[in-house]
């Protein structure tokens, strides 16, 4: 690996261990085994490096999810069974990527003190919503904003339950059962 890759790996480790605000440029350089100057040379500064590391970590999870969701699911599954199987795989990823998700949640609590990163995160979130729509719904609406936002809300809600209380968090079976109960209450459009 070169300095740039080492810096990204070191920044991810620091994000996972310390969080965004508590991570210093010295922490990253030490974790990467590089000089402080390398951060400026390759990324222009600590914030740009941390932002890049956050996006890369989220993309790695997204790529893993796409691979997991593209893996053989029985073609005879009903849409509801496919939905449940898909969410089972997503929930499984919460334990394998716990550090990344903890860092993401920690960053959300720090955003008020990080206005530049907040603007950066808004852009990244909009893209994530579109990607979620494509991952979870084979034929999402044209812009995917609303359906992607609903999937994002489900994702963050389930994730927060798994981070705080994994023993009592919803399973994919619980999720679909709950969604069915909600659908009974709200009905279908026009009813």
Protein backbone atom coordinates (compact mmCIF):
# COMPACT_ATOMS: atom_id res chain seq x y z
CA UNK A 1 0.00 0.00 0.00
CA UNK A 2 1.07 3.58 -0.62
CA UNK A 3 0.80 6.54 1.72
CA UNK A 4 -2.66 7.52 0.43
CA UNK A 5 -4.11 4.06 1.08
CA UNK A 6 -2.31 3.83 4.43
CA UNK A 7 -3.81 7.19 5.44
CA UNK A 8 -7.33 6.06 4.49
CA UNK A 9 -6.92 2.83 6.47
CA UNK A 10 -5.53 4.74 9.45
CA UNK A 11 -8.32 7.33 9.27
CA UNK A 12 -10.95 4.57 9.27
CA UNK A 13 -9.36 2.94 12.31
CA UNK A 14 -9.31 6.29 14.13
CA UNK A 15 -12.94 6.99 13.22
CA UNK A 16 -13.95 3.61 14.59
CA UNK A 17 -11.91 3.96 17.78
CA UNK A 18 -12.17 7.67 18.61
CA UNK A 19 -14.85 9.28 16.47
CA UNK A 20 -14.64 12.21 14.11
CA UNK A 21 -14.03 15.12 16.48
CA UNK A 22 -11.67 13.28 18.83
CA UNK A 23 -9.39 12.18 15.98
CA UNK A 24 -6.35 14.38 15.43
CA UNK A 25 -4.11 14.54 12.39
CA UNK A 26 -1.35 13.08 14.60
CA UNK A 27 -3.61 10.13 15.46
CA UNK A 28 -4.16 9.41 11.79
CA UNK A 29 -0.50 9.78 10.86
CA UNK A 30 0.49 7.43 13.70
CA UNK A 31 -2.17 4.85 12.74
CA UNK A 32 -1.06 5.05 9.11
CA UNK A 33 2.67 5.05 9.81
CA UNK A 34 3.11 8.21 7.75
CA UNK A 35 4.11 11.81 8.36
CA UNK A 36 1.67 14.61 9.14
CA UNK A 37 2.68 16.27 5.89
CA UNK A 38 1.36 13.26 3.95
CA UNK A 39 -2.19 14.15 5.04
CA UNK A 40 -1.94 17.59 3.49
CA UNK A 41 -0.19 16.29 0.40
CA UNK A 42 -2.71 13.56 -0.37
CA UNK A 43 -5.96 15.05 1.00
CA UNK A 44 -5.44 18.73 1.68
CA UNK A 45 -6.27 18.33 5.37
CA UNK A 46 -7.59 16.12 8.13
CA UNK A 47 -11.29 16.86 7.48
CA UNK A 48 -11.06 15.94 3.81
CA UNK A 49 -9.28 12.71 4.74
CA UNK A 50 -11.87 11.81 7.40
CA UNK A 51 -14.72 12.59 5.00
CA UNK A 52 -13.13 10.40 2.35
CA UNK A 53 -12.65 7.62 4.91
CA UNK A 54 -16.31 7.83 5.96
CA UNK A 55 -17.52 7.65 2.38
CA UNK A 56 -15.17 4.77 1.61
CA UNK A 57 -16.34 2.80 4.67
CA UNK A 58 -19.99 3.32 3.71
CA UNK A 59 -19.29 2.32 0.10
CA UNK A 60 -17.49 -0.82 1.26
CA UNK A 61 -20.60 -1.74 3.26
CA UNK A 62 -22.82 -0.89 0.27
CA UNK A 63 -20.69 -3.03 -2.05
CA UNK A 64 -20.83 -5.89 0.42
CA UNK A 65 -24.60 -5.51 0.68
CA UNK A 66 -24.99 -5.54 -3.10
CA UNK A 67 -22.92 -8.75 -3.29
CA UNK A 68 -24.90 -10.34 -0.46
CA UNK A 69 -28.21 -9.32 -1.99
CA UNK A 70 -27.15 -10.50 -5.43
CA UNK A 71 -26.25 -13.91 -4.02
CA UNK A 72 -28.62 -16.69 -4.78
CA UNK A 73 -32.01 -16.07 -3.30
CA UNK A 74 -34.49 -18.71 -4.27
CA UNK A 75 -36.28 -17.44 -7.37
CA UNK A 76 -39.48 -19.07 -6.09
CA UNK A 77 -39.63 -16.68 -3.13
CA UNK A 78 -42.63 -14.40 -2.90
CA UNK A 79 -41.89 -10.66 -2.78
CA UNK A 80 -42.52 -10.74 0.99
CA UNK A 81 -40.13 -13.67 1.47
CA UNK A 82 -37.52 -11.92 -0.67
CA UNK A 83 -37.94 -8.75 1.42
CA UNK A 84 -37.50 -10.73 4.64
CA UNK A 85 -34.43 -12.58 3.32
CA UNK A 86 -32.89 -9.31 2.14
CA UNK A 87 -33.35 -7.65 5.52
CA UNK A 88 -31.95 -10.72 7.28
CA UNK A 89 -28.73 -10.18 5.33
CA UNK A 90 -28.71 -6.47 6.14
CA UNK A 91 -29.17 -7.16 9.84
CA UNK A 92 -26.36 -9.70 9.74
CA UNK A 93 -24.07 -6.96 8.40
CA UNK A 94 -24.72 -4.84 11.51
CA UNK A 95 -22.58 -7.19 13.56
CA UNK A 96 -19.81 -7.49 10.97
CA UNK A 97 -19.61 -3.70 10.50
CA UNK A 98 -20.46 -2.56 14.02
CA UNK A 99 -17.43 -0.22 14.26
CA UNK A 100 -18.34 1.55 11.02
CA UNK A 101 -21.95 2.04 12.10
CA UNK A 102 -20.95 3.26 15.56
CA UNK A 103 -18.66 5.83 13.92
CA UNK A 104 -21.51 6.96 11.64
CA UNK A 105 -23.87 7.43 14.59
CA UNK A 106 -21.18 9.25 16.58
CA UNK A 107 -20.69 11.63 13.65
CA UNK A 108 -24.42 12.40 13.58
CA UNK A 109 -24.22 13.57 17.20
CA UNK A 110 -21.22 15.78 16.36
CA UNK A 111 -22.67 17.50 13.27
CA UNK A 112 -23.76 20.68 15.02
CA UNK A 113 -20.11 21.42 15.78
CA UNK A 114 -19.02 20.45 12.24
CA UNK A 115 -20.95 22.64 9.76
CA UNK A 116 -18.72 21.84 6.76
CA UNK A 117 -19.03 18.12 7.39
CA UNK A 118 -22.79 18.56 7.81
CA UNK A 119 -23.05 19.93 4.26
CA UNK A 120 -20.84 17.11 3.04
CA UNK A 121 -23.03 14.56 4.82
CA UNK A 122 -26.23 15.98 3.27
CA UNK A 123 -24.83 15.34 -0.19
CA UNK A 124 -23.65 11.84 0.77
CA UNK A 125 -27.03 11.07 2.36
CA UNK A 126 -28.94 12.03 -0.76
CA UNK A 127 -26.80 9.68 -2.82
CA UNK A 128 -27.18 6.92 -0.21
CA UNK A 129 -30.97 7.19 -0.39
CA UNK A 130 -30.93 6.71 -4.16
CA UNK A 131 -28.60 3.74 -3.78
CA UNK A 132 -30.78 2.18 -1.08
CA UNK A 133 -33.80 2.46 -3.37
CA UNK A 134 -31.88 0.60 -6.07
CA UNK A 135 -30.54 -2.05 -3.70
CA UNK A 136 -33.83 -2.90 -2.00
CA UNK A 137 -36.39 -2.26 -4.70
CA UNK A 138 -35.56 -3.61 -8.15
CA UNK A 139 -37.74 -1.02 -9.89
CA UNK A 140 -37.77 2.09 -7.69
CA UNK A 141 -39.59 5.24 -8.79
CA UNK A 142 -37.64 7.52 -11.14
CA UNK A 143 -35.80 9.63 -8.55
CA UNK A 144 -36.03 7.09 -5.69
CA UNK A 145 -35.93 9.86 -3.05
CA UNK A 146 -39.07 8.91 -1.12
CA UNK A 147 -38.66 5.13 -1.25
CA UNK A 148 -34.93 5.47 -0.56
CA UNK A 149 -35.71 7.67 2.45
CA UNK A 150 -38.15 5.09 3.80
CA UNK A 151 -35.54 2.34 3.42
CA UNK A 152 -32.99 4.63 5.06
CA UNK A 153 -35.36 5.21 8.00
CA UNK A 154 -35.84 1.45 8.35
CA UNK A 155 -32.10 0.89 8.13
CA UNK A 156 -31.21 3.49 10.77
CA UNK A 157 -34.02 2.42 13.09
CA UNK A 158 -33.04 -1.24 12.94
CA UNK A 159 -29.39 -0.36 13.24
CA UNK A 160 -29.93 1.76 16.34
CA UNK A 161 -31.82 -1.12 17.94
CA UNK A 162 -29.00 -3.54 17.11
CA UNK A 163 -26.32 -1.17 18.42
CA UNK A 164 -28.13 -0.49 21.70
CA UNK A 165 -29.91 -3.76 22.48
CA UNK A 166 -29.07 -6.55 20.04
CA UNK A 167 -30.81 -9.15 22.20
CA UNK A 168 -34.19 -7.46 21.77
CA UNK A 169 -33.75 -5.84 18.35
CA UNK A 170 -36.14 -6.61 15.53
CA UNK A 171 -35.38 -9.52 13.24
CA UNK A 172 -36.28 -9.49 9.56
CA UNK A 173 -39.35 -11.59 10.44
CA UNK A 174 -40.37 -9.02 13.06
CA UNK A 175 -39.85 -6.22 10.54
CA UNK A 176 -42.16 -7.68 7.93
CA UNK A 177 -44.75 -8.55 10.58
CA UNK A 178 -44.66 -4.94 11.81
CA UNK A 179 -44.91 -3.52 8.31
CA UNK A 180 -47.94 -5.71 7.62
CA UNK A 181 -49.60 -4.41 10.81
CA UNK A 182 -48.87 -0.82 9.78
CA UNK A 183 -50.29 -1.45 6.31
CA UNK A 184 -53.51 -2.73 7.88
CA UNK A 185 -53.86 0.54 9.81
CA UNK A 186 -53.00 2.94 6.97
CA UNK A 187 -54.51 0.85 4.19
CA UNK A 188 -53.73 1.37 0.55
CA UNK A 189 -53.94 4.69 -1.26
CA UNK A 190 -57.51 5.81 -1.78
CA UNK A 191 -59.02 3.67 1.00
